[in-house]
PDB file of N, CA and C in Angstrom:
ATOM      1  N   MET A   1     105.996  81.732 141.810  1.00  0.00           N
ATOM      2  CA  MET A   1     104.600  83.057 142.437  1.00  0.00           C
ATOM      3  C   MET A   1     104.020  81.763 140.981  1.00  0.00           C
ATOM      4  N   ALA A   2     105.005  81.913 139.512  1.00  0.00           N
ATOM      5  CA  ALA A   2     103.965  81.365 138.295  1.00  0.00           C
ATOM      6  C   ALA A   2     103.820  80.708 138.447  1.00  0.00           C
ATOM      7  N   GLY A   3     104.646  79.539 139.022  1.00  0.00           N
ATOM      8  CA  GLY A   3     104.741  77.777 139.574  1.00  0.00           C
ATOM      9  C   GLY A   3     102.859  77.883 139.660  1.00  0.00           C
ATOM     10  N   THR A   4     103.099  78.548 141.341  1.00  0.00           N
ATOM     11  CA  THR A   4     101.482  77.958 141.600  1.00  0.00           C
ATOM     12  C   THR A   4     100.555  78.257 141.002  1.00  0.00           C
ATOM     13  N   GLY A   5     100.293  80.009 140.286  1.00  0.00           N
ATOM     14  CA  GLY A   5      99.442  80.015 139.878  1.00  0.00           C
ATOM     15  C   GLY A   5      98.436  79.012 138.759  1.00  0.00           C
ATOM     16  N   SER A   6      99.770  78.163 138.052  1.00  0.00           N
ATOM     17  CA  SER A   6      99.374  77.721 136.503  1.00  0.00           C
ATOM     18  C   SER A   6      99.185  76.093 137.517  1.00  0.00           C
ATOM     19  N   ARG A   7      99.656  76.337 138.715  1.00  0.00           N
ATOM     20  CA  ARG A   7      99.258  74.856 138.914  1.00  0.00           C
ATOM     21  C   ARG A   7      98.062  74.519 139.061  1.00  0.00           C
ATOM     22  N   LYS A   8      97.332  75.693 139.894  1.00  0.00           N
ATOM     23  CA  LYS A   8      96.276  75.757 140.148  1.00  0.00           C
ATOM     24  C   LYS A   8      95.142  75.968 139.703  1.00  0.00           C
ATOM     25  N   MET A   9      96.299  75.813 138.412  1.00  0.00           N
ATOM     26  CA  MET A   9      94.846  76.580 137.115  1.00  0.00           C
ATOM     27  C   MET A   9      94.392  75.128 136.414  1.00  0.00           C
ATOM     28  N   ALA A  10      95.580  74.692 136.087  1.00  0.00           N
ATOM     29  CA  ALA A  10      95.443  72.466 135.750  1.00  0.00           C
ATOM     30  C   ALA A  10      94.673  71.797 136.678  1.00  0.00           C
ATOM     31  N   SER A  11      94.914  71.907 138.192  1.00  0.00           N
ATOM     32  CA  SER A  11      94.379  71.385 138.600  1.00  0.00           C
ATOM     33  C   SER A  11      93.027  71.678 138.422  1.00  0.00           C
ATOM     34  N   GLY A  12      92.408  73.128 139.110  1.00  0.00           N
ATOM     35  CA  GLY A  12      91.355  73.125 138.896  1.00  0.00           C
ATOM     36  C   GLY A  12      90.136  73.006 137.494  1.00  0.00           C
ATOM     37  N   PHE A  13      91.486  72.575 136.607  1.00  0.00           N
ATOM     38  CA  PHE A  13      90.412  72.680 135.536  1.00  0.00           C
ATOM     39  C   PHE A  13      89.844  71.993 134.949  1.00  0.00           C
ATOM     40  N   ARG A  14      91.285  70.366 135.471  1.00  0.00           N
ATOM     41  CA  ARG A  14      90.539  69.232 135.469  1.00  0.00           C
ATOM     42  C   ARG A  14      89.103  68.397 135.800  1.00  0.00           C
ATOM     43  N   ARG A  15      89.525  68.534 137.560  1.00  0.00           N
ATOM     44  CA  ARG A  15      88.549  68.495 138.314  1.00  0.00           C
ATOM     45  C   ARG A  15      87.005  69.326 138.059  1.00  0.00           C
ATOM     46  N   GLU A  16      86.354  70.219 136.682  1.00  0.00           N
ATOM     47  CA  GLU A  16      85.866  71.587 136.635  1.00  0.00           C
ATOM     48  C   GLU A  16      85.136  70.934 135.819  1.00  0.00           C
ATOM     49  N   SER A  17      85.662  69.896 134.461  1.00  0.00           N
ATOM     50  CA  SER A  17      85.488  69.665 133.473  1.00  0.00           C
ATOM     51  C   SER A  17      84.847  70.805 132.589  1.00  0.00           C
ATOM     52  N   LYS A  18      84.498  71.667 132.806  1.00  0.00           N
ATOM     53  CA  LYS A  18      84.157  72.698 132.280  1.00  0.00           C
ATOM     54  C   LYS A  18      85.187  74.145 131.614  1.00  0.00           C
ATOM     55  N   PHE A  19      83.900  75.346 130.958  1.00  0.00           N
ATOM     56  CA  PHE A  19      85.003  76.165 130.233  1.00  0.00           C
ATOM     57  C   PHE A  19      85.045  77.807 131.014  1.00  0.00           C
ATOM     58  N   LYS A  20      86.263  77.937 131.893  1.00  0.00           N
ATOM     59  CA  LYS A  20      86.815  79.137 131.958  1.00  0.00           C
ATOM     60  C   LYS A  20      86.827  79.933 131.312  1.00  0.00           C
ATOM     61  N   CYS A  21      87.023  80.851 131.989  1.00  0.00           N
ATOM     62  CA  CYS A  21      87.314  82.961 131.117  1.00  0.00           C
ATOM     63  C   CYS A  21      88.452  82.546 132.185  1.00  0.00           C
ATOM     64  N   LYS A  22      89.331  83.357 131.248  1.00  0.00           N
ATOM     65  CA  LYS A  22      90.945  83.688 132.588  1.00  0.00           C
ATOM     66  C   LYS A  22      90.708  84.931 132.093  1.00  0.00           C
ATOM     67  N   ILE A  23      89.669  86.089 132.038  1.00  0.00           N
ATOM     68  CA  ILE A  23      90.148  87.134 132.161  1.00  0.00           C
ATOM     69  C   ILE A  23      89.294  87.590 133.704  1.00  0.00           C
ATOM     70  N   CYS A  24      87.978  87.015 133.458  1.00  0.00           N
ATOM     71  CA  CYS A  24      86.937  87.503 134.572  1.00  0.00           C
ATOM     72  C   CYS A  24      86.460  86.164 135.110  1.00  0.00           C
ATOM     73  N   ARG A  25      87.718  84.592 134.651  1.00  0.00           N
ATOM     74  CA  ARG A  25      86.832  84.244 135.523  1.00  0.00           C
ATOM     75  C   ARG A  25      85.665  82.951 135.805  1.00  0.00           C
ATOM     76  N   MET A  26      84.895  83.519 134.813  1.00  0.00           N
ATOM     77  CA  MET A  26      82.956  82.836 134.505  1.00  0.00           C
ATOM     78  C   MET A  26      83.598  81.973 134.475  1.00  0.00           C
ATOM     79  N   ILE A  27      82.332  80.820 134.555  1.00  0.00           N
ATOM     80  CA  ILE A  27      82.558  79.068 134.393  1.00  0.00           C
ATOM     81  C   ILE A  27      81.501  79.337 133.176  1.00  0.00           C
ATOM     82  N   PHE A  28      81.075  78.885 132.249  1.00  0.00           N
ATOM     83  CA  PHE A  28      80.521  78.675 131.702  1.00  0.00           C
ATOM     84  C   PHE A  28      80.164  76.911 130.603  1.00  0.00           C
ATOM     85  N   ASP A  29      79.041  75.833 130.877  1.00  0.00           N
ATOM     86  CA  ASP A  29      78.979  74.119 130.387  1.00  0.00           C
ATOM     87  C   ASP A  29      80.069  74.522 129.344  1.00  0.00           C
ATOM     88  N   SER A  30      79.560  74.965 128.235  1.00  0.00           N
ATOM     89  CA  SER A  30      80.082  74.890 126.670  1.00  0.00           C
ATOM     90  C   SER A  30      81.058  75.444 126.127  1.00  0.00           C
ATOM     91  N   LYS A  31      82.245  74.976 124.411  1.00  0.00           N
ATOM     92  CA  LYS A  31      82.991  76.306 124.768  1.00  0.00           C
ATOM     93  C   LYS A  31      82.213  77.779 123.864  1.00  0.00           C
ATOM     94  N   ASP A  32      81.340  77.199 122.784  1.00  0.00           N
ATOM     95  CA  ASP A  32      80.235  77.801 122.476  1.00  0.00           C
ATOM     96  C   ASP A  32      80.142  79.099 123.458  1.00  0.00           C
ATOM     97  N   GLU A  33      79.670  79.252 124.984  1.00  0.00           N
ATOM     98  CA  GLU A  33      78.716  80.264 125.425  1.00  0.00           C
ATOM     99  C   GLU A  33      80.116  80.710 125.814  1.00  0.00           C
ATOM    100  N   LEU A  34      80.955  79.750 126.163  1.00  0.00           N
ATOM    101  CA  LEU A  34      82.218  81.034 126.504  1.00  0.00           C
ATOM    102  C   LEU A  34      82.989  81.181 125.455  1.00  0.00           C
ATOM    103  N   LYS A  35      83.213  81.361 123.503  1.00  0.00           N
ATOM    104  CA  LYS A  35      83.164  82.278 122.857  1.00  0.00           C
ATOM    105  C   LYS A  35      82.602  83.666 122.711  1.00  0.00           C
ATOM    106  N   LEU A  36      81.056  82.867 122.677  1.00  0.00           N
ATOM    107  CA  LEU A  36      80.204  83.793 122.287  1.00  0.00           C
ATOM    108  C   LEU A  36      80.624  85.171 124.036  1.00  0.00           C
ATOM    109  N   HIS A  37      80.547  84.574 125.001  1.00  0.00           N
ATOM    110  CA  HIS A  37      81.055  85.301 126.221  1.00  0.00           C
ATOM    111  C   HIS A  37      82.273  86.650 126.032  1.00  0.00           C
ATOM    112  N   PHE A  38      83.472  85.694 124.717  1.00  0.00           N
ATOM    113  CA  PHE A  38      84.404  86.495 125.229  1.00  0.00           C
ATOM    114  C   PHE A  38      84.653  87.752 123.957  1.00  0.00           C
ATOM    115  N   LEU A  39      83.721  87.737 122.693  1.00  0.00           N
ATOM    116  CA  LEU A  39      82.626  88.501 121.829  1.00  0.00           C
ATOM    117  C   LEU A  39      82.268  89.694 122.545  1.00  0.00           C
ATOM    118  N   GLU A  40      81.047  89.305 123.450  1.00  0.00           N
ATOM    119  CA  GLU A  40      80.469  90.801 123.699  1.00  0.00           C
ATOM    120  C   GLU A  40      80.863  91.027 124.791  1.00  0.00           C
ATOM    121  N   ASP A  41      81.535  90.318 125.871  1.00  0.00           N
ATOM    122  CA  ASP A  41      82.919  90.927 127.511  1.00  0.00           C
ATOM    123  C   ASP A  41      84.751  91.878 126.746  1.00  0.00           C
ATOM    124  N   HIS A  42      84.470  90.956 126.423  1.00  0.00           N
ATOM    125  CA  HIS A  42      86.146  90.888 125.599  1.00  0.00           C
ATOM    126  C   HIS A  42      86.743  91.384 124.684  1.00  0.00           C
ATOM    127  N   SER A  43      85.554  92.072 124.022  1.00  0.00           N
ATOM    128  CA  SER A  43      86.139  91.719 122.487  1.00  0.00           C
ATOM    129  C   SER A  43      87.488  93.323 121.995  1.00  0.00           C
ATOM    130  N   HIS A  44      87.378  93.815 122.973  1.00  0.00           N
ATOM    131  CA  HIS A  44      88.598  95.221 123.421  1.00  0.00           C
ATOM    132  C   HIS A  44      90.244  94.747 123.222  1.00  0.00           C
ATOM    133  N   TYR A  45      90.641  93.046 123.303  1.00  0.00           N
ATOM    134  CA  TYR A  45      91.173  93.115 123.026  1.00  0.00           C
ATOM    135  C   TYR A  45      91.147  92.347 121.667  1.00  0.00           C
TER     136      TYR A  45
END
């Protein structure tokens, strides 16, 4: 079960070449946008 999930994530990541949030799966164009999103939406972690 864990193997199929990680395989799907790895192939999807290479294709899109964008930054995806692991928690809510939103996609961002830059690492800075992803960082800002983490601070705003997932700061309780």
